[in-house]
PDB file of N, CA and C in Angstrom:
ATOM      1  N   UNK A   1     359.160  63.027  46.005  1.00  0.00           N
ATOM      2  CA  UNK A   1     360.466  63.282  45.441  1.00  0.00           C
ATOM      3  C   UNK A   1     359.898  64.316  44.322  1.00  0.00           C
ATOM      4  N   UNK A   2     360.688  65.484  44.075  1.00  0.00           N
ATOM      5  CA  UNK A   2     360.488  66.862  43.468  1.00  0.00           C
ATOM      6  C   UNK A   2     361.087  67.051  42.344  1.00  0.00           C
ATOM      7  N   UNK A   3     360.332  67.460  41.101  1.00  0.00           N
ATOM      8  CA  UNK A   3     360.808  67.294  39.690  1.00  0.00           C
ATOM      9  C   UNK A   3     361.541  68.961  39.910  1.00  0.00           C
ATOM     10  N   UNK A   4     362.293  69.293  39.087  1.00  0.00           N
ATOM     11  CA  UNK A   4     363.150  70.531  38.964  1.00  0.00           C
ATOM     12  C   UNK A   4     363.580  70.237  37.662  1.00  0.00           C
ATOM     13  N   UNK A   5     362.652  71.656  36.814  1.00  0.00           N
ATOM     14  CA  UNK A   5     362.705  71.202  35.419  1.00  0.00           C
ATOM     15  C   UNK A   5     363.811  71.785  35.339  1.00  0.00           C
ATOM     16  N   UNK A   6     364.335  71.467  33.650  1.00  0.00           N
ATOM     17  CA  UNK A   6     366.234  71.613  33.332  1.00  0.00           C
ATOM     18  C   UNK A   6     366.336  73.379  33.273  1.00  0.00           C
ATOM     19  N   UNK A   7     367.536  73.715  33.621  1.00  0.00           N
ATOM     20  CA  UNK A   7     367.648  75.543  33.985  1.00  0.00           C
ATOM     21  C   UNK A   7     367.141  75.995  35.534  1.00  0.00           C
ATOM     22  N   UNK A   8     366.443  75.174  36.578  1.00  0.00           N
ATOM     23  CA  UNK A   8     366.003  75.911  37.285  1.00  0.00           C
ATOM     24  C   UNK A   8     367.395  75.126  38.572  1.00  0.00           C
ATOM     25  N   UNK A   9     367.483  76.489  39.043  1.00  0.00           N
ATOM     26  CA  UNK A   9     368.737  76.284  40.238  1.00  0.00           C
ATOM     27  C   UNK A   9     368.064  76.011  41.385  1.00  0.00           C
ATOM     28  N   UNK A  10     368.664  75.396  42.434  1.00  0.00           N
ATOM     29  CA  UNK A  10     368.074  75.047  43.807  1.00  0.00           C
ATOM     30  C   UNK A  10     369.036  75.534  44.687  1.00  0.00           C
ATOM     31  N   UNK A  11     368.996  76.500  45.345  1.00  0.00           N
ATOM     32  CA  UNK A  11     369.740  77.384  46.378  1.00  0.00           C
ATOM     33  C   UNK A  11     369.183  77.259  48.128  1.00  0.00           C
ATOM     34  N   UNK A  12     369.825  76.637  48.522  1.00  0.00           N
ATOM     35  CA  UNK A  12     370.107  75.694  49.699  1.00  0.00           C
ATOM     36  C   UNK A  12     370.606  77.397  50.490  1.00  0.00           C
ATOM     37  N   UNK A  13     369.454  77.600  51.492  1.00  0.00           N
ATOM     38  CA  UNK A  13     369.892  78.871  52.466  1.00  0.00           C
ATOM     39  C   UNK A  13     370.911  78.370  53.765  1.00  0.00           C
ATOM     40  N   UNK A  14     372.495  79.036  53.776  1.00  0.00           N
ATOM     41  CA  UNK A  14     373.118  78.087  54.619  1.00  0.00           C
ATOM     42  C   UNK A  14     372.548  78.785  56.506  1.00  0.00           C
ATOM     43  N   UNK A  15     372.483  77.975  57.298  1.00  0.00           N
ATOM     44  CA  UNK A  15     372.006  78.597  58.482  1.00  0.00           C
ATOM     45  C   UNK A  15     370.482  77.919  59.089  1.00  0.00           C
ATOM     46  N   UNK A  16     370.097  78.470  59.659  1.00  0.00           N
ATOM     47  CA  UNK A  16     368.691  77.920  59.689  1.00  0.00           C
ATOM     48  C   UNK A  16     368.041  78.885  60.197  1.00  0.00           C
ATOM     49  N   UNK A  17     366.831  78.738  59.746  1.00  0.00           N
ATOM     50  CA  UNK A  17     365.650  79.567  59.550  1.00  0.00           C
ATOM     51  C   UNK A  17     364.653  79.295  60.676  1.00  0.00           C
ATOM     52  N   UNK A  18     363.907  80.409  60.963  1.00  0.00           N
ATOM     53  CA  UNK A  18     362.634  80.631  61.746  1.00  0.00           C
ATOM     54  C   UNK A  18     361.393  79.679  60.809  1.00  0.00           C
ATOM     55  N   UNK A  19     361.271  78.411  61.322  1.00  0.00           N
ATOM     56  CA  UNK A  19     360.218  77.348  60.776  1.00  0.00           C
ATOM     57  C   UNK A  19     358.494  78.215  60.404  1.00  0.00           C
ATOM     58  N   UNK A  20     358.490  79.422  62.024  1.00  0.00           N
ATOM     59  CA  UNK A  20     357.339  79.938  61.624  1.00  0.00           C
ATOM     60  C   UNK A  20     356.790  80.456  60.836  1.00  0.00           C
ATOM     61  N   UNK A  21     358.145  81.203  59.753  1.00  0.00           N
ATOM     62  CA  UNK A  21     357.787  81.832  58.600  1.00  0.00           C
ATOM     63  C   UNK A  21     357.144  81.211  57.084  1.00  0.00           C
ATOM     64  N   UNK A  22     355.866  81.747  56.715  1.00  0.00           N
ATOM     65  CA  UNK A  22     355.304  81.333  55.846  1.00  0.00           C
ATOM     66  C   UNK A  22     356.284  81.548  54.393  1.00  0.00           C
ATOM     67  N   UNK A  23     355.391  81.758  52.767  1.00  0.00           N
ATOM     68  CA  UNK A  23     355.740  82.474  51.631  1.00  0.00           C
ATOM     69  C   UNK A  23     356.332  83.443  51.803  1.00  0.00           C
ATOM     70  N   UNK A  24     355.603  84.892  52.324  1.00  0.00           N
ATOM     71  CA  UNK A  24     355.756  85.862  52.437  1.00  0.00           C
ATOM     72  C   UNK A  24     357.093  86.122  53.275  1.00  0.00           C
ATOM     73  N   UNK A  25     357.567  85.729  54.228  1.00  0.00           N
ATOM     74  CA  UNK A  25     358.808  85.995  55.232  1.00  0.00           C
ATOM     75  C   UNK A  25     359.842  85.274  54.286  1.00  0.00           C
ATOM     76  N   UNK A  26     359.791  83.897  54.185  1.00  0.00           N
ATOM     77  CA  UNK A  26     360.762  83.270  53.170  1.00  0.00           C
ATOM     78  C   UNK A  26     361.087  84.053  51.726  1.00  0.00           C
ATOM     79  N   UNK A  27     360.080  84.772  51.175  1.00  0.00           N
ATOM     80  CA  UNK A  27     360.069  85.096  50.311  1.00  0.00           C
ATOM     81  C   UNK A  27     361.517  86.954  50.345  1.00  0.00           C
ATOM     82  N   UNK A  28     361.308  87.401  51.605  1.00  0.00           N
ATOM     83  CA  UNK A  28     361.524  88.712  52.070  1.00  0.00           C
ATOM     84  C   UNK A  28     363.285  88.268  52.727  1.00  0.00           C
ATOM     85  N   UNK A  29     363.414  86.733  53.200  1.00  0.00           N
ATOM     86  CA  UNK A  29     364.754  85.974  53.124  1.00  0.00           C
ATOM     87  C   UNK A  29     365.497  85.892  51.799  1.00  0.00           C
ATOM     88  N   UNK A  30     364.697  85.228  51.102  1.00  0.00           N
ATOM     89  CA  UNK A  30     365.521  85.206  49.705  1.00  0.00           C
ATOM     90  C   UNK A  30     365.786  86.615  49.150  1.00  0.00           C
ATOM     91  N   UNK A  31     365.100  87.694  49.064  1.00  0.00           N
ATOM     92  CA  UNK A  31     365.640  89.138  48.911  1.00  0.00           C
ATOM     93  C   UNK A  31     366.063  89.649  49.654  1.00  0.00           C
ATOM     94  N   UNK A  32     366.262  89.597  51.153  1.00  0.00           N
ATOM     95  CA  UNK A  32     367.122  90.815  51.492  1.00  0.00           C
ATOM     96  C   UNK A  32     368.511  89.734  52.258  1.00  0.00           C
ATOM     97  N   UNK A  33     368.314  88.762  52.692  1.00  0.00           N
ATOM     98  CA  UNK A  33     369.405  87.910  53.334  1.00  0.00           C
ATOM     99  C   UNK A  33     370.270  87.436  51.698  1.00  0.00           C
ATOM    100  N   UNK A  34     369.741  86.438  51.150  1.00  0.00           N
ATOM    101  CA  UNK A  34     370.191  85.619  50.156  1.00  0.00           C
ATOM    102  C   UNK A  34     370.700  86.749  48.883  1.00  0.00           C
ATOM    103  N   UNK A  35     369.973  88.027  48.616  1.00  0.00           N
ATOM    104  CA  UNK A  35     370.180  89.132  47.462  1.00  0.00           C
ATOM    105  C   UNK A  35     369.849  88.531  46.368  1.00  0.00           C
ATOM    106  N   UNK A  36     368.569  87.125  46.133  1.00  0.00           N
ATOM    107  CA  UNK A  36     368.123  86.660  45.161  1.00  0.00           C
ATOM    108  C   UNK A  36     367.041  87.117  44.939  1.00  0.00           C
ATOM    109  N   UNK A  37     366.338  87.086  43.690  1.00  0.00           N
ATOM    110  CA  UNK A  37     365.016  87.026  43.089  1.00  0.00           C
ATOM    111  C   UNK A  37     364.091  86.101  43.771  1.00  0.00           C
ATOM    112  N   UNK A  38     363.375  86.240  44.628  1.00  0.00           N
ATOM    113  CA  UNK A  38     361.860  85.282  44.803  1.00  0.00           C
ATOM    114  C   UNK A  38     361.375  84.486  43.739  1.00  0.00           C
ATOM    115  N   UNK A  39     361.383  85.675  42.993  1.00  0.00           N
ATOM    116  CA  UNK A  39     360.273  84.988  41.732  1.00  0.00           C
ATOM    117  C   UNK A  39     360.850  84.829  40.342  1.00  0.00           C
ATOM    118  N   UNK A  40     362.395  84.278  40.509  1.00  0.00           N
ATOM    119  CA  UNK A  40     362.889  83.857  38.981  1.00  0.00           C
ATOM    120  C   UNK A  40     362.501  82.370  38.663  1.00  0.00           C
ATOM    121  N   UNK A  41     361.863  81.633  39.701  1.00  0.00           N
ATOM    122  CA  UNK A  41     361.496  80.346  39.137  1.00  0.00           C
ATOM    123  C   UNK A  41     362.498  79.271  40.125  1.00  0.00           C
ATOM    124  N   UNK A  42     363.774  79.860  40.567  1.00  0.00           N
ATOM    125  CA  UNK A  42     364.323  79.126  41.064  1.00  0.00           C
ATOM    126  C   UNK A  42     363.682  78.381  42.840  1.00  0.00           C
ATOM    127  N   UNK A  43     364.331  77.382  42.926  1.00  0.00           N
ATOM    128  CA  UNK A  43     363.802  77.005  44.142  1.00  0.00           C
ATOM    129  C   UNK A  43     364.778  77.330  45.577  1.00  0.00           C
ATOM    130  N   UNK A  44     364.253  77.659  46.549  1.00  0.00           N
ATOM    131  CA  UNK A  44     365.126  78.122  47.462  1.00  0.00           C
ATOM    132  C   UNK A  44     364.679  77.299  48.721  1.00  0.00           C
ATOM    133  N   UNK A  45     365.461  76.412  49.318  1.00  0.00           N
ATOM    134  CA  UNK A  45     365.009  75.880  50.462  1.00  0.00           C
ATOM    135  C   UNK A  45     366.040  76.366  51.733  1.00  0.00           C
ATOM    136  N   UNK A  46     365.535  75.800  52.866  1.00  0.00           N
ATOM    137  CA  UNK A  46     365.650  76.464  54.456  1.00  0.00           C
ATOM    138  C   UNK A  46     365.227  75.369  55.397  1.00  0.00           C
ATOM    139  N   UNK A  47     366.063  75.190  56.286  1.00  0.00           N
ATOM    140  CA  UNK A  47     366.089  73.976  57.295  1.00  0.00           C
ATOM    141  C   UNK A  47     365.714  74.820  58.586  1.00  0.00           C
ATOM    142  N   UNK A  48     364.902  74.334  59.510  1.00  0.00           N
ATOM    143  CA  UNK A  48     364.845  74.556  60.754  1.00  0.00           C
ATOM    144  C   UNK A  48     365.949  74.193  62.101  1.00  0.00           C
ATOM    145  N   UNK A  49     366.082  75.014  63.141  1.00  0.00           N
ATOM    146  CA  UNK A  49     367.210  74.759  64.121  1.00  0.00           C
ATOM    147  C   UNK A  49     366.995  73.234  64.205  1.00  0.00           C
ATOM    148  N   UNK A  50     366.240  72.726  64.438  1.00  0.00           N
ATOM    149  CA  UNK A  50     366.328  70.981  65.012  1.00  0.00           C
ATOM    150  C   UNK A  50     366.701  70.379  64.034  1.00  0.00           C
ATOM    151  N   UNK A  51     366.588  71.119  62.383  1.00  0.00           N
ATOM    152  CA  UNK A  51     367.209  69.852  61.324  1.00  0.00           C
ATOM    153  C   UNK A  51     365.866  68.990  60.981  1.00  0.00           C
ATOM    154  N   UNK A  52     364.464  69.030  61.470  1.00  0.00           N
ATOM    155  CA  UNK A  52     363.690  67.945  61.550  1.00  0.00           C
ATOM    156  C   UNK A  52     362.875  69.007  60.509  1.00  0.00           C
ATOM    157  N   UNK A  53     362.359  70.068  59.957  1.00  0.00           N
ATOM    158  CA  UNK A  53     361.740  70.508  59.151  1.00  0.00           C
ATOM    159  C   UNK A  53     362.309  71.380  58.056  1.00  0.00           C
ATOM    160  N   UNK A  54     362.132  71.056  56.851  1.00  0.00           N
ATOM    161  CA  UNK A  54     362.755  71.618  55.842  1.00  0.00           C
ATOM    162  C   UNK A  54     361.680  72.568  54.564  1.00  0.00           C
ATOM    163  N   UNK A  55     361.464  73.406  54.285  1.00  0.00           N
ATOM    164  CA  UNK A  55     360.651  74.376  53.795  1.00  0.00           C
ATOM    165  C   UNK A  55     361.617  74.738  52.293  1.00  0.00           C
ATOM    166  N   UNK A  56     360.552  74.681  51.441  1.00  0.00           N
ATOM    167  CA  UNK A  56     360.968  74.920  49.843  1.00  0.00           C
ATOM    168  C   UNK A  56     360.105  75.703  48.924  1.00  0.00           C
ATOM    169  N   UNK A  57     360.722  77.189  48.517  1.00  0.00           N
ATOM    170  CA  UNK A  57     359.960  78.323  48.311  1.00  0.00           C
ATOM    171  C   UNK A  57     360.420  77.685  46.878  1.00  0.00           C
ATOM    172  N   UNK A  58     359.229  78.212  46.289  1.00  0.00           N
ATOM    173  CA  UNK A  58     359.107  78.534  44.521  1.00  0.00           C
ATOM    174  C   UNK A  58     358.310  79.414  43.905  1.00  0.00           C
ATOM    175  N   UNK A  59     358.580  79.940  42.722  1.00  0.00           N
ATOM    176  CA  UNK A  59     357.713  81.099  41.981  1.00  0.00           C
ATOM    177  C   UNK A  59     357.328  80.010  40.782  1.00  0.00           C
ATOM    178  N   UNK A  60     355.868  79.439  40.584  1.00  0.00           N
ATOM    179  CA  UNK A  60     355.636  78.791  39.466  1.00  0.00           C
ATOM    180  C   UNK A  60     355.395  79.091  37.865  1.00  0.00           C
ATOM    181  N   UNK A  61     355.107  80.430  38.575  1.00  0.00           N
ATOM    182  CA  UNK A  61     355.141  81.207  37.226  1.00  0.00           C
ATOM    183  C   UNK A  61     353.193  82.325  37.242  1.00  0.00           C
ATOM    184  N   UNK A  62     352.822  81.809  38.081  1.00  0.00           N
ATOM    185  CA  UNK A  62     351.282  82.442  38.742  1.00  0.00           C
ATOM    186  C   UNK A  62     351.186  82.768  39.997  1.00  0.00           C
ATOM    187  N   UNK A  63     352.280  82.040  40.805  1.00  0.00           N
ATOM    188  CA  UNK A  63     351.972  82.284  42.379  1.00  0.00           C
ATOM    189  C   UNK A  63     353.478  82.012  43.400  1.00  0.00           C
ATOM    190  N   UNK A  64     353.185  81.993  44.318  1.00  0.00           N
ATOM    191  CA  UNK A  64     354.653  81.642  45.405  1.00  0.00           C
ATOM    192  C   UNK A  64     354.091  79.994  45.724  1.00  0.00           C
ATOM    193  N   UNK A  65     354.818  78.765  45.561  1.00  0.00           N
ATOM    194  CA  UNK A  65     354.364  78.054  46.120  1.00  0.00           C
ATOM    195  C   UNK A  65     355.415  77.363  47.520  1.00  0.00           C
ATOM    196  N   UNK A  66     355.086  76.932  48.386  1.00  0.00           N
ATOM    197  CA  UNK A  66     355.658  76.266  49.632  1.00  0.00           C
ATOM    198  C   UNK A  66     355.453  74.389  49.837  1.00  0.00           C
ATOM    199  N   UNK A  67     356.558  74.391  49.549  1.00  0.00           N
ATOM    200  CA  UNK A  67     357.148  72.444  50.070  1.00  0.00           C
ATOM    201  C   UNK A  67     357.146  72.251  51.402  1.00  0.00           C
ATOM    202  N   UNK A  68     356.769  71.524  51.984  1.00  0.00           N
ATOM    203  CA  UNK A  68     357.239  71.451  53.665  1.00  0.00           C
ATOM    204  C   UNK A  68     357.169  70.137  53.892  1.00  0.00           C
ATOM    205  N   UNK A  69     357.863  69.602  54.316  1.00  0.00           N
ATOM    206  CA  UNK A  69     358.203  68.451  55.230  1.00  0.00           C
ATOM    207  C   UNK A  69     359.306  68.330  56.655  1.00  0.00           C
ATOM    208  N   UNK A  70     358.046  67.292  57.236  1.00  0.00           N
ATOM    209  CA  UNK A  70     358.802  67.163  57.988  1.00  0.00           C
ATOM    210  C   UNK A  70     359.384  65.651  58.689  1.00  0.00           C
ATOM    211  N   UNK A  71     360.488  65.079  58.867  1.00  0.00           N
ATOM    212  CA  UNK A  71     361.382  64.148  58.873  1.00  0.00           C
ATOM    213  C   UNK A  71     361.248  63.520  60.261  1.00  0.00           C
ATOM    214  N   UNK A  72     360.444  62.143  60.158  1.00  0.00           N
ATOM    215  CA  UNK A  72     360.405  61.717  61.603  1.00  0.00           C
ATOM    216  C   UNK A  72     361.630  60.750  62.095  1.00  0.00           C
ATOM    217  N   UNK A  73     362.452  60.614  61.990  1.00  0.00           N
ATOM    218  CA  UNK A  73     363.629  59.852  62.581  1.00  0.00           C
ATOM    219  C   UNK A  73     365.227  60.917  61.583  1.00  0.00           C
ATOM    220  N   UNK A  74     365.578  61.074  62.537  1.00  0.00           N
ATOM    221  CA  UNK A  74     366.967  61.720  62.063  1.00  0.00           C
ATOM    222  C   UNK A  74     366.539  63.208  62.035  1.00  0.00           C
ATOM    223  N   UNK A  75     367.346  63.582  60.358  1.00  0.00           N
ATOM    224  CA  UNK A  75     367.474  64.819  60.432  1.00  0.00           C
ATOM    225  C   UNK A  75     368.151  65.545  58.703  1.00  0.00           C
ATOM    226  N   UNK A  76     367.362  66.732  58.614  1.00  0.00           N
ATOM    227  CA  UNK A  76     367.937  67.051  57.125  1.00  0.00           C
ATOM    228  C   UNK A  76     369.470  67.410  57.116  1.00  0.00           C
ATOM    229  N   UNK A  77     370.308  66.915  56.548  1.00  0.00           N
ATOM    230  CA  UNK A  77     372.019  67.143  56.670  1.00  0.00           C
ATOM    231  C   UNK A  77     372.118  68.610  55.927  1.00  0.00           C
ATOM    232  N   UNK A  78     372.803  69.702  56.437  1.00  0.00           N
ATOM    233  CA  UNK A  78     372.710  70.957  56.433  1.00  0.00           C
ATOM    234  C   UNK A  78     374.284  70.978  56.011  1.00  0.00           C
ATOM    235  N   UNK A  79     375.006  71.816  55.209  1.00  0.00           N
ATOM    236  CA  UNK A  79     376.120  72.171  55.360  1.00  0.00           C
ATOM    237  C   UNK A  79     376.510  73.404  56.629  1.00  0.00           C
ATOM    238  N   UNK A  80     377.602  73.026  57.136  1.00  0.00           N
ATOM    239  CA  UNK A  80     378.534  73.962  58.204  1.00  0.00           C
ATOM    240  C   UNK A  80     379.137  75.232  57.315  1.00  0.00           C
ATOM    241  N   UNK A  81     379.477  76.210  57.083  1.00  0.00           N
ATOM    242  CA  UNK A  81     380.214  76.759  56.578  1.00  0.00           C
ATOM    243  C   UNK A  81     380.251  78.187  57.428  1.00  0.00           C
ATOM    244  N   UNK A  82     381.647  77.987  58.497  1.00  0.00           N
ATOM    245  CA  UNK A  82     381.660  78.937  59.395  1.00  0.00           C
ATOM    246  C   UNK A  82     382.370  80.436  58.586  1.00  0.00           C
ATOM    247  N   UNK A  83     381.360  81.609  59.099  1.00  0.00           N
ATOM    248  CA  UNK A  83     381.983  82.562  58.418  1.00  0.00           C
ATOM    249  C   UNK A  83     381.371  82.841  56.863  1.00  0.00           C
ATOM    250  N   UNK A  84     380.431  81.808  56.074  1.00  0.00           N
ATOM    251  CA  UNK A  84     379.365  82.393  55.224  1.00  0.00           C
ATOM    252  C   UNK A  84     378.076  82.518  55.198  1.00  0.00           C
ATOM    253  N   UNK A  85     377.745  83.399  54.239  1.00  0.00           N
ATOM    254  CA  UNK A  85     376.223  84.028  54.456  1.00  0.00           C
ATOM    255  C   UNK A  85     375.721  83.885  53.202  1.00  0.00           C
ATOM    256  N   UNK A  86     374.618  83.110  53.344  1.00  0.00           N
ATOM    257  CA  UNK A  86     373.994  83.299  51.726  1.00  0.00           C
ATOM    258  C   UNK A  86     373.408  81.989  52.017  1.00  0.00           C
ATOM    259  N   UNK A  87     373.970  81.119  50.247  1.00  0.00           N
ATOM    260  CA  UNK A  87     373.270  79.980  50.200  1.00  0.00           C
ATOM    261  C   UNK A  87     374.253  79.625  49.005  1.00  0.00           C
ATOM    262  N   UNK A  88     374.224  78.117  48.856  1.00  0.00           N
ATOM    263  CA  UNK A  88     374.938  77.216  48.181  1.00  0.00           C
ATOM    264  C   UNK A  88     373.974  76.640  47.236  1.00  0.00           C
ATOM    265  N   UNK A  89     374.695  76.335  45.753  1.00  0.00           N
ATOM    266  CA  UNK A  89     373.644  75.714  44.927  1.00  0.00           C
ATOM    267  C   UNK A  89     373.615  74.329  44.543  1.00  0.00           C
ATOM    268  N   UNK A  90     372.934  73.489  44.829  1.00  0.00           N
ATOM    269  CA  UNK A  90     372.464  71.829  44.694  1.00  0.00           C
ATOM    270  C   UNK A  90     372.188  71.744  43.573  1.00  0.00           C
ATOM    271  N   UNK A  91     372.221  70.233  43.154  1.00  0.00           N
ATOM    272  CA  UNK A  91     371.763  69.777  42.048  1.00  0.00           C
ATOM    273  C   UNK A  91     370.403  68.954  42.140  1.00  0.00           C
ATOM    274  N   UNK A  92     369.680  68.902  41.329  1.00  0.00           N
ATOM    275  CA  UNK A  92     368.366  68.108  41.234  1.00  0.00           C
ATOM    276  C   UNK A  92     368.844  66.926  41.877  1.00  0.00           C
ATOM    277  N   UNK A  93     369.767  66.310  41.945  1.00  0.00           N
ATOM    278  CA  UNK A  93     369.813  64.735  42.705  1.00  0.00           C
ATOM    279  C   UNK A  93     370.134  64.902  44.006  1.00  0.00           C
ATOM    280  N   UNK A  94     370.947  66.042  44.094  1.00  0.00           N
ATOM    281  CA  UNK A  94     371.173  66.405  45.376  1.00  0.00           C
ATOM    282  C   UNK A  94     370.165  66.708  46.198  1.00  0.00           C
ATOM    283  N   UNK A  95     369.004  67.576  46.135  1.00  0.00           N
ATOM    284  CA  UNK A  95     367.857  67.889  46.610  1.00  0.00           C
ATOM    285  C   UNK A  95     366.917  66.855  46.568  1.00  0.00           C
ATOM    286  N   UNK A  96     367.146  65.791  46.106  1.00  0.00           N
ATOM    287  CA  UNK A  96     366.310  64.589  46.098  1.00  0.00           C
ATOM    288  C   UNK A  96     366.756  64.075  47.366  1.00  0.00           C
ATOM    289  N   UNK A  97     367.953  63.875  47.797  1.00  0.00           N
ATOM    290  CA  UNK A  97     368.569  63.043  48.402  1.00  0.00           C
ATOM    291  C   UNK A  97     368.576  63.604  49.870  1.00  0.00           C
ATOM    292  N   UNK A  98     368.608  64.983  49.518  1.00  0.00           N
ATOM    293  CA  UNK A  98     368.217  65.949  50.861  1.00  0.00           C
ATOM    294  C   UNK A  98     366.950  65.917  51.632  1.00  0.00           C
ATOM    295  N   UNK A  99     365.998  65.740  50.416  1.00  0.00           N
ATOM    296  CA  UNK A  99     364.710  65.493  51.004  1.00  0.00           C
ATOM    297  C   UNK A  99     364.300  64.116  51.387  1.00  0.00           C
ATOM    298  N   UNK A 100     365.146  63.216  51.162  1.00  0.00           N
ATOM    299  CA  UNK A 100     364.910  61.615  51.551  1.00  0.00           C
ATOM    300  C   UNK A 100     365.469  61.254  52.890  1.00  0.00           C
ATOM    301  N   UNK A 101     366.334  62.633  53.261  1.00  0.00           N
ATOM    302  CA  UNK A 101     367.097  62.632  54.789  1.00  0.00           C
ATOM    303  C   UNK A 101     368.222  61.794  54.658  1.00  0.00           C
ATOM    304  N   UNK A 102     368.540  61.960  53.330  1.00  0.00           N
ATOM    305  CA  UNK A 102     370.299  61.147  52.737  1.00  0.00           C
ATOM    306  C   UNK A 102     371.264  62.305  52.841  1.00  0.00           C
ATOM    307  N   UNK A 103     372.365  62.116  53.423  1.00  0.00           N
ATOM    308  CA  UNK A 103     373.279  62.806  53.339  1.00  0.00           C
ATOM    309  C   UNK A 103     373.501  62.911  51.728  1.00  0.00           C
ATOM    310  N   UNK A 104     373.474  64.107  51.401  1.00  0.00           N
ATOM    311  CA  UNK A 104     373.928  64.226  49.819  1.00  0.00           C
ATOM    312  C   UNK A 104     375.218  64.566  49.323  1.00  0.00           C
ATOM    313  N   UNK A 105     375.712  64.521  50.828  1.00  0.00           N
ATOM    314  CA  UNK A 105     377.344  65.124  50.437  1.00  0.00           C
ATOM    315  C   UNK A 105     378.538  64.005  50.249  1.00  0.00           C
ATOM    316  N   UNK A 106     378.072  62.705  51.165  1.00  0.00           N
ATOM    317  CA  UNK A 106     378.660  61.924  50.506  1.00  0.00           C
ATOM    318  C   UNK A 106     377.562  60.567  50.358  1.00  0.00           C
ATOM    319  N   UNK A 107     376.817  60.792  49.634  1.00  0.00           N
ATOM    320  CA  UNK A 107     376.013  59.286  49.649  1.00  0.00           C
ATOM    321  C   UNK A 107     376.698  58.135  49.346  1.00  0.00           C
ATOM    322  N   UNK A 108     375.822  56.678  50.185  1.00  0.00           N
ATOM    323  CA  UNK A 108     376.555  55.819  50.013  1.00  0.00           C
ATOM    324  C   UNK A 108     376.069  54.740  48.697  1.00  0.00           C
ATOM    325  N   UNK A 109     377.286  54.639  48.032  1.00  0.00           N
ATOM    326  CA  UNK A 109     377.218  53.375  46.910  1.00  0.00           C
ATOM    327  C   UNK A 109     377.081  52.345  48.008  1.00  0.00           C
ATOM    328  N   UNK A 110     375.592  51.772  47.353  1.00  0.00           N
ATOM    329  CA  UNK A 110     375.352  50.036  47.751  1.00  0.00           C
ATOM    330  C   UNK A 110     376.131  48.802  46.660  1.00  0.00           C
ATOM    331  N   UNK A 111     375.864  49.399  45.606  1.00  0.00           N
ATOM    332  CA  UNK A 111     376.388  48.460  44.591  1.00  0.00           C
ATOM    333  C   UNK A 111     377.119  49.161  43.607  1.00  0.00           C
ATOM    334  N   UNK A 112     378.277  48.218  43.414  1.00  0.00           N
ATOM    335  CA  UNK A 112     379.439  48.192  42.234  1.00  0.00           C
ATOM    336  C   UNK A 112     379.346  46.902  41.421  1.00  0.00           C
ATOM    337  N   UNK A 113     379.780  47.192  40.028  1.00  0.00           N
ATOM    338  CA  UNK A 113     379.811  46.198  39.116  1.00  0.00           C
ATOM    339  C   UNK A 113     381.171  45.647  39.322  1.00  0.00           C
ATOM    340  N   UNK A 114     380.884  43.871  39.411  1.00  0.00           N
ATOM    341  CA  UNK A 114     382.441  43.339  39.629  1.00  0.00           C
ATOM    342  C   UNK A 114     383.435  43.284  38.726  1.00  0.00           C
ATOM    343  N   UNK A 115     382.682  42.978  37.250  1.00  0.00           N
ATOM    344  CA  UNK A 115     383.302  42.921  36.053  1.00  0.00           C
ATOM    345  C   UNK A 115     382.525  43.501  35.099  1.00  0.00           C
ATOM    346  N   UNK A 116     383.272  43.666  33.940  1.00  0.00           N
ATOM    347  CA  UNK A 116     382.518  44.376  32.557  1.00  0.00           C
ATOM    348  C   UNK A 116     382.056  43.935  32.169  1.00  0.00           C
ATOM    349  N   UNK A 117     381.147  43.702  31.093  1.00  0.00           N
ATOM    350  CA  UNK A 117     380.117  43.167  30.393  1.00  0.00           C
ATOM    351  C   UNK A 117     379.534  42.116  30.846  1.00  0.00           C
TER     352      UNK A 117
END
């Protein structure tokens, strides 16, 4: 699980990305396609076409960092938004679920209190 400091936004790039790209290639995508500053300290998440690889790019104040995860079973849930380019913003909790392979759009609640008190 990743710790996301307060005030840091999580941007999820729509569509899929060529996972052969490294830090520099992803930083160029953030700048040119998402029209955002890759050095602002926010997190930028990308998914490959097969949905089994996730990369998160972020600037920690003195260098670019790249978090990569390959999921063994299932895939990373990504929104499908026809006709939209760019990114959507996730909460840190949604990012944590995404990294774990959980459908962050409709997480399953497994426990509900029967009575108050």
